[in-house]
Amino acid sequence: MTATTEPIRRLARNRAVHAEQRGFYADLLDAGVRPDVTTTIDRERPAPAEVAKVLGVPAGTPLLARARLMSADDRVLQLATSFCPSDVAAALPVLAEPDTGPGGMYSRLEDAGHTLAESDIVGGRAASDEEVAALRLDAPFVITILRIVRDAATDQVLEVGTLVLAPGRQELVY
């Protein structure tokens, strides 16, 4: 753990760069802290209602889910789950692997010819008991982001991500 408990600044532009390390990893390395991510793959996780709505499928539809517990120097920052539509998961089997290679899943989508466009819906809500435990929260409140990644040319949804952030541990700069 670093001596500071200042929030780690995360830059939206880092997610848009095709590189060896991008997004979460690049931001944390830039801040001088050690990123740690534990990834769990579920090939048939039922789609939550908010994800199903974006994808135009019934809630509960089985989707590929990449769930990540993301930390910096042993300080839990966020829970992030990527839900991939079945056609995208079938076209890119590497997305069902815990390690998708340099640049992560977004680089694999770009390698497949997609130009990525992203939009985020940011909110806040009471945390579930599971989120309080996983994020080691003092207060039962979380910041939420629903991230939608589309192909810029076709508008096809490639990923719907749910991010649950511990307040005060990160600053997201858009």
N, C-alpha and C. Protein backbone atom coordinates (compact mmCIF):
# COMPACT_ATOMS: atom_id res chain seq x y z
N MET A 1 0.85 -1.19 0.00
CA MET A 1 0.00 0.00 0.00
C MET A 1 0.88 1.23 0.00
N THR A 2 0.52 2.20 -0.79
CA THR A 2 1.27 3.44 -0.78
C THR A 2 0.92 4.24 0.46
N ALA A 3 1.76 5.19 0.80
CA ALA A 3 1.55 5.98 2.01
C ALA A 3 0.33 6.88 1.90
N THR A 4 -0.08 7.19 0.69
CA THR A 4 -1.20 8.10 0.51
C THR A 4 -2.52 7.35 0.35
N THR A 5 -3.58 8.00 0.74
CA THR A 5 -4.91 7.45 0.48
C THR A 5 -5.67 8.38 -0.46
N GLU A 6 -4.91 9.22 -1.16
CA GLU A 6 -5.51 10.10 -2.16
C GLU A 6 -6.14 9.25 -3.26
N PRO A 7 -7.22 9.74 -3.86
CA PRO A 7 -7.82 8.99 -4.96
C PRO A 7 -6.86 8.88 -6.14
N ILE A 8 -6.93 7.78 -6.84
CA ILE A 8 -6.12 7.58 -8.04
C ILE A 8 -6.86 8.18 -9.21
N ARG A 9 -6.17 9.02 -9.97
CA ARG A 9 -6.80 9.68 -11.12
C ARG A 9 -6.77 8.73 -12.31
N ARG A 10 -7.94 8.53 -12.92
CA ARG A 10 -8.09 7.65 -14.08
C ARG A 10 -8.55 8.50 -15.25
N LEU A 11 -7.90 8.38 -16.39
CA LEU A 11 -8.19 9.21 -17.55
C LEU A 11 -8.94 8.42 -18.61
N ALA A 12 -10.08 8.94 -19.03
CA ALA A 12 -10.89 8.27 -20.04
C ALA A 12 -10.10 8.05 -21.32
N ARG A 13 -9.24 8.98 -21.67
CA ARG A 13 -8.49 8.84 -22.92
C ARG A 13 -7.58 7.61 -22.91
N ASN A 14 -7.17 7.13 -21.73
CA ASN A 14 -6.31 5.94 -21.67
C ASN A 14 -7.04 4.69 -22.12
N ARG A 15 -8.37 4.68 -22.02
CA ARG A 15 -9.12 3.51 -22.48
C ARG A 15 -9.18 3.47 -23.99
N ALA A 16 -8.98 4.61 -24.64
CA ALA A 16 -9.15 4.71 -26.09
C ALA A 16 -7.85 4.48 -26.85
N VAL A 17 -6.77 4.16 -26.16
CA VAL A 17 -5.48 4.00 -26.80
C VAL A 17 -5.18 2.52 -27.00
N HIS A 18 -4.85 2.14 -28.24
CA HIS A 18 -4.45 0.76 -28.52
C HIS A 18 -3.00 0.63 -28.05
N ALA A 19 -2.78 -0.14 -27.01
CA ALA A 19 -1.44 -0.23 -26.44
C ALA A 19 -1.28 -1.52 -25.66
N GLU A 20 -0.02 -1.80 -25.29
CA GLU A 20 0.30 -2.96 -24.46
C GLU A 20 -0.50 -2.92 -23.16
N GLN A 21 -0.51 -1.79 -22.51
CA GLN A 21 -1.31 -1.61 -21.29
C GLN A 21 -2.19 -0.38 -21.51
N ARG A 22 -3.43 -0.48 -21.12
CA ARG A 22 -4.34 0.64 -21.30
C ARG A 22 -5.32 0.66 -20.15
N GLY A 23 -6.07 1.75 -20.03
CA GLY A 23 -7.12 1.84 -19.03
C GLY A 23 -6.63 1.67 -17.62
N PHE A 24 -7.24 0.76 -16.89
CA PHE A 24 -6.96 0.54 -15.47
C PHE A 24 -5.47 0.35 -15.22
N TYR A 25 -4.83 -0.54 -15.97
CA TYR A 25 -3.41 -0.82 -15.75
C TYR A 25 -2.56 0.41 -16.00
N ALA A 26 -2.77 1.09 -17.12
CA ALA A 26 -1.97 2.26 -17.46
C ALA A 26 -2.14 3.36 -16.43
N ASP A 27 -3.37 3.62 -16.01
CA ASP A 27 -3.61 4.68 -15.03
C ASP A 27 -2.92 4.39 -13.71
N LEU A 28 -2.99 3.16 -13.24
CA LEU A 28 -2.38 2.82 -11.96
C LEU A 28 -0.86 2.86 -12.04
N LEU A 29 -0.31 2.36 -13.13
CA LEU A 29 1.14 2.44 -13.29
C LEU A 29 1.60 3.89 -13.35
N ASP A 30 0.83 4.75 -14.04
CA ASP A 30 1.14 6.18 -14.09
C ASP A 30 1.10 6.81 -12.71
N ALA A 31 0.21 6.31 -11.83
CA ALA A 31 0.08 6.84 -10.47
C ALA A 31 1.13 6.25 -9.52
N GLY A 32 1.94 5.32 -10.02
CA GLY A 32 2.99 4.74 -9.19
C GLY A 32 2.51 3.67 -8.23
N VAL A 33 1.38 3.05 -8.54
CA VAL A 33 0.86 1.98 -7.69
C VAL A 33 0.77 0.69 -8.50
N ARG A 34 0.71 -0.41 -7.79
CA ARG A 34 0.70 -1.74 -8.41
C ARG A 34 -0.73 -2.21 -8.64
N PRO A 35 -1.13 -2.38 -9.91
CA PRO A 35 -2.47 -2.90 -10.18
C PRO A 35 -2.54 -4.40 -9.91
N ASP A 36 -3.69 -4.84 -9.46
CA ASP A 36 -3.93 -6.26 -9.26
C ASP A 36 -5.37 -6.54 -9.67
N VAL A 37 -5.55 -7.51 -10.55
CA VAL A 37 -6.88 -7.84 -11.04
C VAL A 37 -7.08 -9.35 -10.94
N THR A 38 -8.19 -9.73 -10.31
CA THR A 38 -8.59 -11.14 -10.27
C THR A 38 -9.80 -11.28 -11.19
N THR A 39 -9.67 -12.13 -12.21
CA THR A 39 -10.73 -12.29 -13.21
C THR A 39 -11.40 -13.65 -13.05
N THR A 40 -12.72 -13.62 -13.07
CA THR A 40 -13.53 -14.84 -13.05
C THR A 40 -14.39 -14.85 -14.31
N ILE A 41 -14.37 -15.97 -15.01
CA ILE A 41 -15.14 -16.11 -16.25
C ILE A 41 -16.38 -16.95 -15.97
N ASP A 42 -17.52 -16.45 -16.44
CA ASP A 42 -18.77 -17.22 -16.38
C ASP A 42 -19.33 -17.21 -17.80
N ARG A 43 -19.35 -18.35 -18.44
CA ARG A 43 -19.77 -18.42 -19.84
C ARG A 43 -21.28 -18.28 -20.02
N GLU A 44 -22.04 -18.41 -18.95
CA GLU A 44 -23.51 -18.33 -19.06
C GLU A 44 -24.12 -17.60 -17.87
N ARG A 45 -23.65 -16.40 -17.58
CA ARG A 45 -24.23 -15.63 -16.48
C ARG A 45 -25.54 -14.99 -16.94
N PRO A 46 -26.59 -15.09 -16.15
CA PRO A 46 -27.85 -14.44 -16.51
C PRO A 46 -27.68 -12.92 -16.61
N ALA A 47 -28.19 -12.36 -17.67
CA ALA A 47 -28.07 -10.91 -17.89
C ALA A 47 -28.90 -10.14 -16.88
N PRO A 48 -28.26 -9.20 -16.14
CA PRO A 48 -29.05 -8.31 -15.28
C PRO A 48 -29.98 -7.45 -16.15
N ALA A 49 -31.04 -6.96 -15.56
CA ALA A 49 -32.05 -6.20 -16.31
C ALA A 49 -31.44 -5.03 -17.08
N GLU A 50 -30.54 -4.25 -16.44
CA GLU A 50 -29.98 -3.07 -17.11
C GLU A 50 -29.13 -3.46 -18.32
N VAL A 51 -28.43 -4.58 -18.23
CA VAL A 51 -27.61 -5.07 -19.34
C VAL A 51 -28.51 -5.62 -20.45
N ALA A 52 -29.49 -6.41 -20.07
CA ALA A 52 -30.43 -6.99 -21.04
C ALA A 52 -31.13 -5.91 -21.85
N LYS A 53 -31.51 -4.83 -21.18
CA LYS A 53 -32.20 -3.73 -21.87
C LYS A 53 -31.33 -3.15 -22.98
N VAL A 54 -30.05 -2.91 -22.69
CA VAL A 54 -29.14 -2.36 -23.69
C VAL A 54 -28.97 -3.32 -24.86
N LEU A 55 -28.88 -4.62 -24.54
CA LEU A 55 -28.66 -5.63 -25.58
C LEU A 55 -29.93 -6.03 -26.33
N GLY A 56 -31.10 -5.63 -25.80
CA GLY A 56 -32.35 -6.00 -26.44
C GLY A 56 -32.69 -7.47 -26.29
N VAL A 57 -32.29 -8.05 -25.16
CA VAL A 57 -32.60 -9.46 -24.87
C VAL A 57 -33.37 -9.53 -23.56
N PRO A 58 -34.08 -10.63 -23.30
CA PRO A 58 -34.79 -10.75 -22.02
C PRO A 58 -33.81 -10.82 -20.85
N ALA A 59 -34.19 -10.21 -19.73
CA ALA A 59 -33.39 -10.34 -18.50
C ALA A 59 -33.22 -11.82 -18.21
N GLY A 60 -32.04 -12.20 -17.77
CA GLY A 60 -31.76 -13.60 -17.48
C GLY A 60 -31.16 -14.37 -18.64
N THR A 61 -31.11 -13.76 -19.82
CA THR A 61 -30.49 -14.42 -20.97
C THR A 61 -29.03 -14.73 -20.64
N PRO A 62 -28.57 -15.97 -20.88
CA PRO A 62 -27.18 -16.31 -20.58
C PRO A 62 -26.20 -15.54 -21.48
N LEU A 63 -25.21 -14.90 -20.85
CA LEU A 63 -24.19 -14.14 -21.57
C LEU A 63 -22.82 -14.51 -21.03
N LEU A 64 -21.79 -14.32 -21.85
CA LEU A 64 -20.42 -14.42 -21.37
C LEU A 64 -20.17 -13.25 -20.43
N ALA A 65 -19.68 -13.53 -19.22
CA ALA A 65 -19.37 -12.48 -18.25
C ALA A 65 -17.92 -12.62 -17.81
N ARG A 66 -17.21 -11.49 -17.82
CA ARG A 66 -15.85 -11.40 -17.32
C ARG A 66 -15.91 -10.51 -16.07
N ALA A 67 -15.90 -11.12 -14.90
CA ALA A 67 -16.00 -10.38 -13.64
C ALA A 67 -14.60 -10.16 -13.08
N ARG A 68 -14.31 -8.90 -12.71
CA ARG A 68 -12.98 -8.56 -12.22
C ARG A 68 -13.05 -7.81 -10.90
N LEU A 69 -12.23 -8.24 -9.95
CA LEU A 69 -12.01 -7.52 -8.70
C LEU A 69 -10.70 -6.77 -8.91
N MET A 70 -10.77 -5.42 -8.88
CA MET A 70 -9.64 -4.60 -9.30
C MET A 70 -9.12 -3.79 -8.12
N SER A 71 -7.81 -3.93 -7.87
CA SER A 71 -7.19 -3.32 -6.70
C SER A 71 -5.91 -2.59 -7.09
N ALA A 72 -5.44 -1.76 -6.16
CA ALA A 72 -4.16 -1.07 -6.30
C ALA A 72 -3.45 -1.16 -4.96
N ASP A 73 -2.27 -1.76 -4.96
CA ASP A 73 -1.50 -1.91 -3.72
C ASP A 73 -2.37 -2.45 -2.59
N ASP A 74 -3.12 -3.50 -2.87
CA ASP A 74 -3.99 -4.18 -1.90
C ASP A 74 -5.18 -3.35 -1.43
N ARG A 75 -5.48 -2.27 -2.11
CA ARG A 75 -6.65 -1.43 -1.81
C ARG A 75 -7.68 -1.67 -2.91
N VAL A 76 -8.80 -2.29 -2.56
CA VAL A 76 -9.82 -2.61 -3.56
C VAL A 76 -10.44 -1.31 -4.08
N LEU A 77 -10.48 -1.17 -5.41
CA LEU A 77 -11.01 0.04 -6.04
C LEU A 77 -12.38 -0.18 -6.66
N GLN A 78 -12.55 -1.32 -7.34
CA GLN A 78 -13.80 -1.50 -8.06
C GLN A 78 -14.05 -2.96 -8.40
N LEU A 79 -15.32 -3.23 -8.67
CA LEU A 79 -15.77 -4.49 -9.24
C LEU A 79 -16.24 -4.15 -10.64
N ALA A 80 -15.74 -4.87 -11.63
CA ALA A 80 -16.12 -4.58 -13.01
C ALA A 80 -16.50 -5.89 -13.70
N THR A 81 -17.66 -5.90 -14.32
CA THR A 81 -18.10 -7.08 -15.05
C THR A 81 -18.44 -6.68 -16.48
N SER A 82 -17.82 -7.37 -17.42
CA SER A 82 -18.10 -7.16 -18.84
C SER A 82 -19.04 -8.26 -19.31
N PHE A 83 -20.13 -7.87 -19.93
CA PHE A 83 -21.08 -8.82 -20.51
C PHE A 83 -20.97 -8.70 -22.03
N CYS A 84 -20.72 -9.84 -22.68
CA CYS A 84 -20.57 -9.85 -24.14
C CYS A 84 -21.75 -10.57 -24.77
N PRO A 85 -22.34 -9.98 -25.80
CA PRO A 85 -23.41 -10.66 -26.52
C PRO A 85 -22.90 -11.99 -27.07
N SER A 86 -23.79 -12.94 -27.25
CA SER A 86 -23.38 -14.29 -27.66
C SER A 86 -22.68 -14.30 -29.01
N ASP A 87 -23.10 -13.44 -29.96
CA ASP A 87 -22.44 -13.43 -31.27
C ASP A 87 -21.01 -12.93 -31.17
N VAL A 88 -20.77 -11.95 -30.31
CA VAL A 88 -19.42 -11.43 -30.11
C VAL A 88 -18.55 -12.48 -29.42
N ALA A 89 -19.09 -13.13 -28.39
CA ALA A 89 -18.35 -14.17 -27.67
C ALA A 89 -18.01 -15.34 -28.60
N ALA A 90 -18.94 -15.71 -29.48
CA ALA A 90 -18.70 -16.82 -30.40
C ALA A 90 -17.63 -16.46 -31.43
N ALA A 91 -17.62 -15.22 -31.88
CA ALA A 91 -16.66 -14.78 -32.89
C ALA A 91 -15.25 -14.62 -32.31
N LEU A 92 -15.16 -14.35 -31.01
CA LEU A 92 -13.86 -14.13 -30.36
C LEU A 92 -13.74 -15.00 -29.11
N PRO A 93 -13.45 -16.29 -29.26
CA PRO A 93 -13.38 -17.19 -28.11
C PRO A 93 -12.37 -16.76 -27.05
N VAL A 94 -11.36 -15.96 -27.42
CA VAL A 94 -10.37 -15.48 -26.45
C VAL A 94 -11.03 -14.66 -25.34
N LEU A 95 -12.20 -14.08 -25.61
CA LEU A 95 -12.88 -13.28 -24.59
C LEU A 95 -13.30 -14.14 -23.40
N ALA A 96 -13.39 -15.44 -23.58
CA ALA A 96 -13.75 -16.35 -22.49
C ALA A 96 -12.53 -16.84 -21.72
N GLU A 97 -11.37 -16.29 -22.03
CA GLU A 97 -10.14 -16.64 -21.30
C GLU A 97 -9.85 -15.57 -20.25
N PRO A 98 -9.32 -15.96 -19.09
CA PRO A 98 -8.99 -14.96 -18.06
C PRO A 98 -7.98 -13.92 -18.55
N ASP A 99 -7.02 -14.33 -19.37
CA ASP A 99 -6.02 -13.41 -19.91
C ASP A 99 -6.26 -13.30 -21.41
N THR A 100 -6.69 -12.12 -21.84
CA THR A 100 -7.00 -11.91 -23.26
C THR A 100 -5.80 -11.37 -24.04
N GLY A 101 -4.65 -11.25 -23.38
CA GLY A 101 -3.44 -10.81 -24.05
C GLY A 101 -3.18 -9.33 -23.90
N PRO A 102 -2.07 -8.87 -24.52
CA PRO A 102 -1.67 -7.46 -24.40
C PRO A 102 -2.78 -6.51 -24.85
N GLY A 103 -3.06 -5.52 -24.03
CA GLY A 103 -4.10 -4.54 -24.35
C GLY A 103 -5.49 -4.97 -23.95
N GLY A 104 -5.65 -6.23 -23.54
CA GLY A 104 -6.93 -6.70 -23.03
C GLY A 104 -7.99 -6.93 -24.09
N MET A 105 -9.22 -7.07 -23.61
CA MET A 105 -10.32 -7.44 -24.51
C MET A 105 -10.60 -6.37 -25.56
N TYR A 106 -10.40 -5.09 -25.22
CA TYR A 106 -10.65 -4.05 -26.21
C TYR A 106 -9.67 -4.17 -27.38
N SER A 107 -8.43 -4.54 -27.10
CA SER A 107 -7.48 -4.76 -28.19
C SER A 107 -7.89 -5.94 -29.05
N ARG A 108 -8.46 -6.99 -28.44
CA ARG A 108 -8.92 -8.13 -29.23
C ARG A 108 -10.09 -7.72 -30.13
N LEU A 109 -10.98 -6.88 -29.62
CA LEU A 109 -12.09 -6.39 -30.44
C LEU A 109 -11.55 -5.56 -31.61
N GLU A 110 -10.55 -4.71 -31.34
CA GLU A 110 -9.94 -3.92 -32.41
C GLU A 110 -9.22 -4.82 -33.41
N ASP A 111 -8.52 -5.84 -32.91
CA ASP A 111 -7.83 -6.78 -33.80
C ASP A 111 -8.82 -7.46 -34.75
N ALA A 112 -10.06 -7.63 -34.31
CA ALA A 112 -11.10 -8.27 -35.13
C ALA A 112 -11.74 -7.28 -36.11
N GLY A 113 -11.23 -6.04 -36.13
CA GLY A 113 -11.70 -5.07 -37.11
C GLY A 113 -12.71 -4.05 -36.60
N HIS A 114 -13.03 -4.08 -35.33
CA HIS A 114 -13.98 -3.13 -34.77
C HIS A 114 -13.29 -1.82 -34.41
N THR A 115 -13.95 -0.71 -34.67
CA THR A 115 -13.54 0.60 -34.18
C THR A 115 -14.44 0.90 -33.00
N LEU A 116 -13.86 1.09 -31.82
CA LEU A 116 -14.65 1.18 -30.60
C LEU A 116 -15.14 2.59 -30.32
N ALA A 117 -16.37 2.67 -29.88
CA ALA A 117 -16.98 3.91 -29.39
C ALA A 117 -17.62 3.57 -28.05
N GLU A 118 -17.44 4.44 -27.08
CA GLU A 118 -17.88 4.13 -25.72
C GLU A 118 -18.78 5.24 -25.17
N SER A 119 -19.76 4.83 -24.38
CA SER A 119 -20.55 5.80 -23.61
C SER A 119 -20.73 5.24 -22.21
N ASP A 120 -20.75 6.13 -21.23
CA ASP A 120 -20.90 5.75 -19.83
C ASP A 120 -22.12 6.44 -19.24
N ILE A 121 -22.84 5.71 -18.40
CA ILE A 121 -23.93 6.28 -17.61
C ILE A 121 -23.49 6.14 -16.17
N VAL A 122 -23.29 7.27 -15.49
CA VAL A 122 -22.74 7.28 -14.13
C VAL A 122 -23.85 7.56 -13.13
N GLY A 123 -23.85 6.83 -12.04
CA GLY A 123 -24.85 7.02 -10.99
C GLY A 123 -24.29 6.62 -9.64
N GLY A 124 -25.17 6.49 -8.68
CA GLY A 124 -24.80 6.05 -7.34
C GLY A 124 -25.99 5.36 -6.72
N ARG A 125 -25.72 4.49 -5.75
CA ARG A 125 -26.80 3.76 -5.09
C ARG A 125 -26.27 3.13 -3.82
N ALA A 126 -27.20 2.56 -3.06
CA ALA A 126 -26.80 1.80 -1.88
C ALA A 126 -26.08 0.54 -2.35
N ALA A 127 -25.07 0.14 -1.61
CA ALA A 127 -24.31 -1.06 -1.94
C ALA A 127 -25.00 -2.29 -1.38
N SER A 128 -24.87 -3.40 -2.10
CA SER A 128 -25.37 -4.68 -1.57
C SER A 128 -24.41 -5.16 -0.49
N ASP A 129 -24.84 -6.11 0.31
CA ASP A 129 -23.97 -6.68 1.34
C ASP A 129 -22.71 -7.27 0.72
N GLU A 130 -22.85 -7.91 -0.44
CA GLU A 130 -21.70 -8.51 -1.12
C GLU A 130 -20.71 -7.43 -1.58
N GLU A 131 -21.23 -6.31 -2.07
CA GLU A 131 -20.35 -5.22 -2.52
C GLU A 131 -19.64 -4.57 -1.34
N VAL A 132 -20.33 -4.40 -0.22
CA VAL A 132 -19.70 -3.84 0.99
C VAL A 132 -18.52 -4.71 1.39
N ALA A 133 -18.71 -6.03 1.37
CA ALA A 133 -17.64 -6.95 1.77
C ALA A 133 -16.50 -6.94 0.75
N ALA A 134 -16.81 -7.06 -0.53
CA ALA A 134 -15.78 -7.15 -1.56
C ALA A 134 -14.95 -5.87 -1.66
N LEU A 135 -15.62 -4.72 -1.55
CA LEU A 135 -14.93 -3.44 -1.67
C LEU A 135 -14.39 -2.92 -0.34
N ARG A 136 -14.68 -3.64 0.74
CA ARG A 136 -14.24 -3.23 2.09
C ARG A 136 -14.68 -1.80 2.39
N LEU A 137 -15.96 -1.57 2.25
CA LEU A 137 -16.51 -0.22 2.41
C LEU A 137 -16.78 0.11 3.87
N ASP A 138 -16.57 1.38 4.21
CA ASP A 138 -16.95 1.89 5.53
C ASP A 138 -18.42 2.29 5.54
N ALA A 139 -18.90 2.81 4.42
CA ALA A 139 -20.30 3.22 4.30
C ALA A 139 -20.92 2.45 3.12
N PRO A 140 -22.19 2.06 3.24
CA PRO A 140 -22.80 1.22 2.20
C PRO A 140 -23.32 2.01 1.00
N PHE A 141 -22.41 2.71 0.32
CA PHE A 141 -22.76 3.49 -0.85
C PHE A 141 -21.70 3.25 -1.92
N VAL A 142 -22.12 3.13 -3.17
CA VAL A 142 -21.18 2.92 -4.27
C VAL A 142 -21.51 3.85 -5.44
N ILE A 143 -20.50 4.08 -6.25
CA ILE A 143 -20.65 4.78 -7.52
C ILE A 143 -20.83 3.69 -8.58
N THR A 144 -21.76 3.89 -9.48
CA THR A 144 -21.99 2.89 -10.53
C THR A 144 -21.76 3.51 -11.91
N ILE A 145 -21.27 2.69 -12.80
CA ILE A 145 -21.12 3.10 -14.19
C ILE A 145 -21.63 1.96 -15.05
N LEU A 146 -22.50 2.28 -15.97
CA LEU A 146 -22.92 1.34 -16.99
C LEU A 146 -22.20 1.78 -18.26
N ARG A 147 -21.25 0.97 -18.71
CA ARG A 147 -20.43 1.31 -19.88
C ARG A 147 -20.93 0.51 -21.07
N ILE A 148 -21.15 1.20 -22.16
CA ILE A 148 -21.60 0.55 -23.39
C ILE A 148 -20.53 0.78 -24.45
N VAL A 149 -19.99 -0.31 -24.99
CA VAL A 149 -18.98 -0.23 -26.04
C VAL A 149 -19.61 -0.76 -27.32
N ARG A 150 -19.57 0.07 -28.34
CA ARG A 150 -20.17 -0.26 -29.64
C ARG A 150 -19.11 -0.21 -30.73
N ASP A 151 -19.44 -0.81 -31.85
CA ASP A 151 -18.64 -0.63 -33.05
C ASP A 151 -19.06 0.71 -33.65
N ALA A 152 -18.10 1.61 -33.81
CA ALA A 152 -18.42 2.96 -34.27
C ALA A 152 -19.04 2.97 -35.66
N ALA A 153 -18.69 2.02 -36.50
CA ALA A 153 -19.20 2.00 -37.87
C ALA A 153 -20.59 1.39 -37.96
N THR A 154 -20.86 0.33 -37.20
CA THR A 154 -22.12 -0.40 -37.34
C THR A 154 -23.10 -0.17 -36.20
N ASP A 155 -22.65 0.41 -35.11
CA ASP A 155 -23.44 0.64 -33.89
C ASP A 155 -23.76 -0.66 -33.15
N GLN A 156 -23.13 -1.77 -33.55
CA GLN A 156 -23.32 -3.05 -32.86
C GLN A 156 -22.76 -2.96 -31.44
N VAL A 157 -23.55 -3.39 -30.45
CA VAL A 157 -23.06 -3.42 -29.07
C VAL A 157 -22.10 -4.60 -28.94
N LEU A 158 -20.88 -4.31 -28.50
CA LEU A 158 -19.84 -5.33 -28.34
C LEU A 158 -19.67 -5.76 -26.89
N GLU A 159 -19.96 -4.84 -25.97
CA GLU A 159 -19.82 -5.12 -24.54
C GLU A 159 -20.70 -4.17 -23.77
N VAL A 160 -21.31 -4.68 -22.71
CA VAL A 160 -21.95 -3.83 -21.72
C VAL A 160 -21.24 -4.13 -20.41
N GLY A 161 -20.66 -3.11 -19.84
CA GLY A 161 -19.91 -3.29 -18.60
C GLY A 161 -20.63 -2.65 -17.43
N THR A 162 -20.61 -3.35 -16.30
CA THR A 162 -21.11 -2.76 -15.06
C THR A 162 -19.91 -2.56 -14.15
N LEU A 163 -19.73 -1.34 -13.70
CA LEU A 163 -18.63 -1.02 -12.80
C LEU A 163 -19.22 -0.52 -11.49
N VAL A 164 -18.72 -1.04 -10.40
CA VAL A 164 -19.15 -0.64 -9.06
C VAL A 164 -17.89 -0.16 -8.36
N LEU A 165 -17.84 1.14 -8.05
CA LEU A 165 -16.64 1.76 -7.51
C LEU A 165 -16.82 2.16 -6.05
N ALA A 166 -15.76 1.97 -5.28
CA ALA A 166 -15.73 2.46 -3.91
C ALA A 166 -15.53 3.97 -3.96
N PRO A 167 -16.41 4.74 -3.33
CA PRO A 167 -16.28 6.20 -3.37
C PRO A 167 -14.96 6.67 -2.76
N GLY A 168 -14.38 7.70 -3.37
CA GLY A 168 -13.20 8.34 -2.82
C GLY A 168 -11.88 7.66 -3.13
N ARG A 169 -11.91 6.54 -3.83
CA ARG A 169 -10.66 5.83 -4.11
C ARG A 169 -10.13 6.08 -5.52
N GLN A 170 -10.98 6.63 -6.38
CA GLN A 170 -10.59 6.95 -7.75
C GLN A 170 -11.25 8.26 -8.16
N GLU A 171 -10.61 8.96 -9.07
CA GLU A 171 -11.22 10.09 -9.76
C GLU A 171 -11.24 9.72 -11.23
N LEU A 172 -12.40 9.78 -11.84
CA LEU A 172 -12.52 9.46 -13.26
C LEU A 172 -12.61 10.77 -14.03
N VAL A 173 -11.68 10.97 -14.93
CA VAL A 173 -11.62 12.21 -15.70
C VAL A 173 -12.07 11.91 -17.13
N TYR A 174 -13.16 12.58 -17.55
CA TYR A 174 -13.72 12.37 -18.88
C TYR A 174 -13.36 13.53 -19.77
